[in-house]
Amino acid sequence: MFRVLYLPGVSKYIENLNPKDHARLSRTRQLFQERGFIVGQKYIKKITKGSLWELRAGKIRLFLCISGNTAVGVHIIQKKSQKLPLKDIKLAERRCKQL
């Protein structure tokens, strides 16, 4: 079982999501907390060689830095194109290294 925490900026972004996206992210996060990596690539995908992962909840992407059984949400975006923006990946990597 995983524990998911958020940096303050990520928490604020989640609070301001519309109800549909907020509910979808909550369900996906809860599924990940209960089942871990067993949920498969539909919901979670490794982004870098380090400990940076992407939790996928519809068009919302939550970047997680995972260590042991704790995952910290370091960055969140609303995806608008097929590829993840490189600037967002770099920002998430920097925040992950600061933890």
N, C-alpha and C. Protein backbone atom coordinates (compact mmCIF):
# COMPACT_ATOMS: atom_id res chain seq x y z
N MET A 1 0.85 -1.19 0.00
CA MET A 1 0.00 0.00 0.00
C MET A 1 0.89 1.25 0.00
N PHE A 2 0.56 2.18 -0.87
CA PHE A 2 1.34 3.40 -1.01
C PHE A 2 0.68 4.57 -0.29
N ARG A 3 1.51 5.49 0.13
CA ARG A 3 1.03 6.75 0.71
C ARG A 3 1.38 7.85 -0.28
N VAL A 4 0.38 8.66 -0.66
CA VAL A 4 0.61 9.73 -1.62
C VAL A 4 0.49 11.08 -0.92
N LEU A 5 1.55 11.88 -1.03
CA LEU A 5 1.60 13.23 -0.46
C LEU A 5 1.76 14.22 -1.62
N TYR A 6 1.49 15.49 -1.36
CA TYR A 6 1.63 16.51 -2.40
C TYR A 6 2.44 17.69 -1.90
N LEU A 7 3.20 18.30 -2.80
CA LEU A 7 3.81 19.59 -2.50
C LEU A 7 2.69 20.63 -2.46
N PRO A 8 2.89 21.76 -1.74
CA PRO A 8 1.82 22.76 -1.60
C PRO A 8 1.23 23.26 -2.92
N GLY A 9 2.04 23.51 -3.91
CA GLY A 9 1.54 24.01 -5.20
C GLY A 9 0.66 22.99 -5.90
N VAL A 10 1.00 21.72 -5.76
CA VAL A 10 0.22 20.65 -6.37
C VAL A 10 -1.13 20.54 -5.67
N SER A 11 -1.14 20.64 -4.35
CA SER A 11 -2.40 20.59 -3.59
C SER A 11 -3.34 21.70 -4.03
N LYS A 12 -2.80 22.89 -4.19
CA LYS A 12 -3.61 24.04 -4.61
C LYS A 12 -4.20 23.81 -6.00
N TYR A 13 -3.41 23.28 -6.92
CA TYR A 13 -3.88 23.00 -8.27
C TYR A 13 -5.03 21.98 -8.24
N ILE A 14 -4.87 20.94 -7.42
CA ILE A 14 -5.90 19.90 -7.31
C ILE A 14 -7.20 20.47 -6.75
N GLU A 15 -7.09 21.36 -5.76
CA GLU A 15 -8.29 21.99 -5.18
C GLU A 15 -9.06 22.79 -6.23
N ASN A 16 -8.36 23.35 -7.21
CA ASN A 16 -9.00 24.19 -8.22
C ASN A 16 -9.46 23.44 -9.47
N LEU A 17 -9.28 22.11 -9.49
CA LEU A 17 -9.76 21.33 -10.63
C LEU A 17 -11.28 21.32 -10.69
N ASN A 18 -11.82 21.17 -11.89
CA ASN A 18 -13.28 21.05 -11.99
C ASN A 18 -13.69 19.72 -11.34
N PRO A 19 -14.95 19.59 -10.91
CA PRO A 19 -15.38 18.39 -10.17
C PRO A 19 -15.12 17.07 -10.89
N LYS A 20 -15.30 17.04 -12.20
CA LYS A 20 -15.10 15.80 -12.96
C LYS A 20 -13.63 15.36 -12.91
N ASP A 21 -12.70 16.29 -13.19
CA ASP A 21 -11.28 15.96 -13.16
C ASP A 21 -10.80 15.64 -11.75
N HIS A 22 -11.33 16.36 -10.78
CA HIS A 22 -10.97 16.13 -9.38
C HIS A 22 -11.38 14.71 -8.96
N ALA A 23 -12.58 14.31 -9.32
CA ALA A 23 -13.07 12.97 -8.98
C ALA A 23 -12.24 11.89 -9.67
N ARG A 24 -11.92 12.11 -10.94
CA ARG A 24 -11.13 11.12 -11.68
C ARG A 24 -9.74 10.97 -11.07
N LEU A 25 -9.11 12.09 -10.72
CA LEU A 25 -7.79 12.05 -10.10
C LEU A 25 -7.86 11.34 -8.74
N SER A 26 -8.88 11.62 -7.97
CA SER A 26 -9.04 10.98 -6.66
C SER A 26 -9.19 9.47 -6.80
N ARG A 27 -10.01 9.03 -7.75
CA ARG A 27 -10.20 7.59 -7.97
C ARG A 27 -8.90 6.92 -8.42
N THR A 28 -8.18 7.57 -9.33
CA THR A 28 -6.93 7.01 -9.83
C THR A 28 -5.89 6.94 -8.73
N ARG A 29 -5.80 8.01 -7.93
CA ARG A 29 -4.84 8.03 -6.81
C ARG A 29 -5.18 6.93 -5.81
N GLN A 30 -6.44 6.76 -5.50
CA GLN A 30 -6.86 5.74 -4.55
C GLN A 30 -6.54 4.33 -5.08
N LEU A 31 -6.78 4.12 -6.37
CA LEU A 31 -6.45 2.85 -7.00
C LEU A 31 -4.96 2.56 -6.88
N PHE A 32 -4.13 3.57 -7.15
CA PHE A 32 -2.68 3.41 -7.03
C PHE A 32 -2.28 3.15 -5.58
N GLN A 33 -2.89 3.84 -4.63
CA GLN A 33 -2.56 3.64 -3.22
C GLN A 33 -2.86 2.21 -2.79
N GLU A 34 -3.95 1.66 -3.27
CA GLU A 34 -4.36 0.31 -2.87
C GLU A 34 -3.58 -0.79 -3.58
N ARG A 35 -3.33 -0.61 -4.88
CA ARG A 35 -2.75 -1.69 -5.68
C ARG A 35 -1.31 -1.46 -6.11
N GLY A 36 -0.82 -0.25 -5.99
CA GLY A 36 0.56 0.03 -6.38
C GLY A 36 0.75 -0.05 -7.89
N PHE A 37 1.88 -0.61 -8.30
CA PHE A 37 2.22 -0.65 -9.72
C PHE A 37 1.43 -1.69 -10.50
N ILE A 38 0.65 -2.49 -9.82
CA ILE A 38 -0.17 -3.50 -10.47
C ILE A 38 -1.24 -2.87 -11.37
N VAL A 39 -1.55 -1.59 -11.15
CA VAL A 39 -2.60 -0.92 -11.94
C VAL A 39 -2.24 -0.84 -13.41
N GLY A 40 -0.97 -0.95 -13.77
CA GLY A 40 -0.55 -0.99 -15.16
C GLY A 40 -0.34 0.38 -15.79
N GLN A 41 0.12 0.36 -17.05
CA GLN A 41 0.49 1.59 -17.75
C GLN A 41 -0.68 2.47 -18.11
N LYS A 42 -1.88 1.97 -18.00
CA LYS A 42 -3.03 2.84 -18.25
C LYS A 42 -3.07 3.96 -17.21
N TYR A 43 -2.61 3.66 -16.01
CA TYR A 43 -2.68 4.63 -14.92
C TYR A 43 -1.35 5.18 -14.45
N ILE A 44 -0.28 4.42 -14.60
CA ILE A 44 1.02 4.90 -14.12
C ILE A 44 2.12 4.48 -15.09
N LYS A 45 3.06 5.39 -15.31
CA LYS A 45 4.14 5.13 -16.25
C LYS A 45 5.42 5.79 -15.75
N LYS A 46 6.53 5.09 -15.90
CA LYS A 46 7.82 5.63 -15.50
C LYS A 46 8.26 6.66 -16.53
N ILE A 47 8.72 7.82 -16.07
CA ILE A 47 9.11 8.91 -16.96
C ILE A 47 10.62 8.96 -17.17
N THR A 48 11.38 8.84 -16.10
CA THR A 48 12.84 8.92 -16.20
C THR A 48 13.48 7.69 -15.58
N LYS A 49 14.79 7.57 -15.75
CA LYS A 49 15.51 6.45 -15.16
C LYS A 49 15.51 6.52 -13.64
N GLY A 50 15.32 7.70 -13.10
CA GLY A 50 15.31 7.88 -11.65
C GLY A 50 14.01 7.39 -11.03
N SER A 51 13.45 8.18 -10.15
CA SER A 51 12.25 7.76 -9.43
C SER A 51 11.02 8.59 -9.83
N LEU A 52 11.04 9.17 -11.02
CA LEU A 52 9.93 10.01 -11.47
C LEU A 52 8.92 9.20 -12.28
N TRP A 53 7.67 9.25 -11.85
CA TRP A 53 6.57 8.52 -12.49
C TRP A 53 5.45 9.49 -12.84
N GLU A 54 4.60 9.06 -13.75
CA GLU A 54 3.45 9.87 -14.18
C GLU A 54 2.18 9.09 -13.83
N LEU A 55 1.32 9.69 -13.00
CA LEU A 55 0.01 9.11 -12.69
C LEU A 55 -0.99 9.71 -13.66
N ARG A 56 -1.66 8.88 -14.42
CA ARG A 56 -2.55 9.33 -15.49
C ARG A 56 -4.00 9.25 -15.06
N ALA A 57 -4.66 10.38 -15.04
CA ALA A 57 -6.08 10.45 -14.69
C ALA A 57 -6.79 11.26 -15.77
N GLY A 58 -7.15 10.60 -16.87
CA GLY A 58 -7.76 11.33 -17.98
C GLY A 58 -6.73 12.25 -18.59
N LYS A 59 -7.07 13.54 -18.67
CA LYS A 59 -6.13 14.51 -19.24
C LYS A 59 -5.20 15.12 -18.19
N ILE A 60 -5.40 14.77 -16.93
CA ILE A 60 -4.55 15.27 -15.84
C ILE A 60 -3.37 14.33 -15.66
N ARG A 61 -2.18 14.91 -15.54
CA ARG A 61 -0.96 14.14 -15.30
C ARG A 61 -0.30 14.63 -14.02
N LEU A 62 -0.18 13.72 -13.07
CA LEU A 62 0.45 14.02 -11.78
C LEU A 62 1.81 13.36 -11.77
N PHE A 63 2.86 14.17 -11.65
CA PHE A 63 4.22 13.65 -11.60
C PHE A 63 4.54 13.26 -10.16
N LEU A 64 4.92 12.00 -9.96
CA LEU A 64 5.22 11.48 -8.64
C LEU A 64 6.68 11.11 -8.51
N CYS A 65 7.25 11.45 -7.38
CA CYS A 65 8.59 11.01 -7.02
C CYS A 65 8.37 9.89 -6.00
N ILE A 66 8.74 8.68 -6.36
CA ILE A 66 8.43 7.52 -5.53
C ILE A 66 9.70 6.98 -4.87
N SER A 67 9.59 6.82 -3.56
CA SER A 67 10.68 6.26 -2.77
C SER A 67 10.06 5.33 -1.73
N GLY A 68 10.38 4.05 -1.83
CA GLY A 68 9.78 3.07 -0.91
C GLY A 68 8.28 2.99 -1.14
N ASN A 69 7.53 3.16 -0.07
CA ASN A 69 6.06 3.13 -0.16
C ASN A 69 5.46 4.53 -0.10
N THR A 70 6.27 5.54 -0.34
CA THR A 70 5.78 6.92 -0.31
C THR A 70 5.96 7.55 -1.69
N ALA A 71 4.89 8.17 -2.17
CA ALA A 71 4.92 8.89 -3.44
C ALA A 71 4.59 10.35 -3.15
N VAL A 72 5.40 11.25 -3.68
CA VAL A 72 5.18 12.68 -3.47
C VAL A 72 4.83 13.31 -4.81
N GLY A 73 3.67 13.95 -4.88
CA GLY A 73 3.27 14.67 -6.08
C GLY A 73 4.07 15.95 -6.18
N VAL A 74 4.98 16.02 -7.15
CA VAL A 74 5.88 17.17 -7.27
C VAL A 74 5.42 18.17 -8.32
N HIS A 75 4.58 17.74 -9.25
CA HIS A 75 4.11 18.63 -10.32
C HIS A 75 2.85 18.04 -10.93
N ILE A 76 1.98 18.90 -11.45
CA ILE A 76 0.74 18.43 -12.06
C ILE A 76 0.43 19.32 -13.26
N ILE A 77 -0.07 18.71 -14.32
CA ILE A 77 -0.43 19.47 -15.52
C ILE A 77 -1.72 18.90 -16.11
N GLN A 78 -2.32 19.72 -16.96
CA GLN A 78 -3.42 19.24 -17.78
C GLN A 78 -2.85 19.04 -19.17
N LYS A 79 -2.84 17.81 -19.63
CA LYS A 79 -2.21 17.48 -20.90
C LYS A 79 -3.05 17.97 -22.07
N LYS A 80 -2.39 18.64 -23.01
CA LYS A 80 -3.10 19.20 -24.16
C LYS A 80 -2.65 18.60 -25.48
N SER A 81 -1.50 17.92 -25.48
CA SER A 81 -1.01 17.29 -26.70
C SER A 81 -0.59 15.86 -26.37
N GLN A 82 -0.19 15.13 -27.38
CA GLN A 82 0.13 13.73 -27.17
C GLN A 82 1.42 13.54 -26.35
N LYS A 83 2.41 14.39 -26.58
CA LYS A 83 3.67 14.28 -25.86
C LYS A 83 3.65 15.13 -24.59
N LEU A 84 4.36 14.64 -23.57
CA LEU A 84 4.52 15.45 -22.36
C LEU A 84 5.50 16.57 -22.65
N PRO A 85 5.19 17.80 -22.23
CA PRO A 85 6.13 18.91 -22.44
C PRO A 85 7.43 18.68 -21.67
N LEU A 86 8.55 18.84 -22.35
CA LEU A 86 9.86 18.62 -21.76
C LEU A 86 10.11 19.55 -20.58
N LYS A 87 9.62 20.80 -20.65
CA LYS A 87 9.84 21.74 -19.55
C LYS A 87 9.16 21.26 -18.26
N ASP A 88 8.01 20.60 -18.39
CA ASP A 88 7.32 20.07 -17.21
C ASP A 88 8.06 18.86 -16.64
N ILE A 89 8.61 18.03 -17.50
CA ILE A 89 9.39 16.88 -17.03
C ILE A 89 10.63 17.37 -16.29
N LYS A 90 11.33 18.37 -16.84
CA LYS A 90 12.54 18.91 -16.21
C LYS A 90 12.21 19.53 -14.85
N LEU A 91 11.08 20.27 -14.78
CA LEU A 91 10.67 20.87 -13.52
C LEU A 91 10.38 19.80 -12.48
N ALA A 92 9.68 18.76 -12.86
CA ALA A 92 9.37 17.65 -11.94
C ALA A 92 10.65 16.96 -11.48
N GLU A 93 11.60 16.77 -12.38
CA GLU A 93 12.87 16.14 -12.02
C GLU A 93 13.62 16.99 -11.00
N ARG A 94 13.65 18.31 -11.22
CA ARG A 94 14.34 19.21 -10.25
C ARG A 94 13.70 19.13 -8.88
N ARG A 95 12.37 19.15 -8.84
CA ARG A 95 11.68 19.08 -7.55
C ARG A 95 11.90 17.74 -6.88
N CYS A 96 11.98 16.70 -7.67
CA CYS A 96 12.21 15.35 -7.13
C CYS A 96 13.60 15.27 -6.48
N LYS A 97 14.58 15.87 -7.11
CA LYS A 97 15.95 15.85 -6.58
C LYS A 97 16.06 16.65 -5.28
N GLN A 98 15.19 17.66 -5.12
CA GLN A 98 15.22 18.49 -3.91
C GLN A 98 14.64 17.79 -2.69
N LEU A 99 13.90 16.72 -2.91
CA LEU A 99 13.29 16.01 -1.77
C LEU A 99 14.30 15.19 -1.01
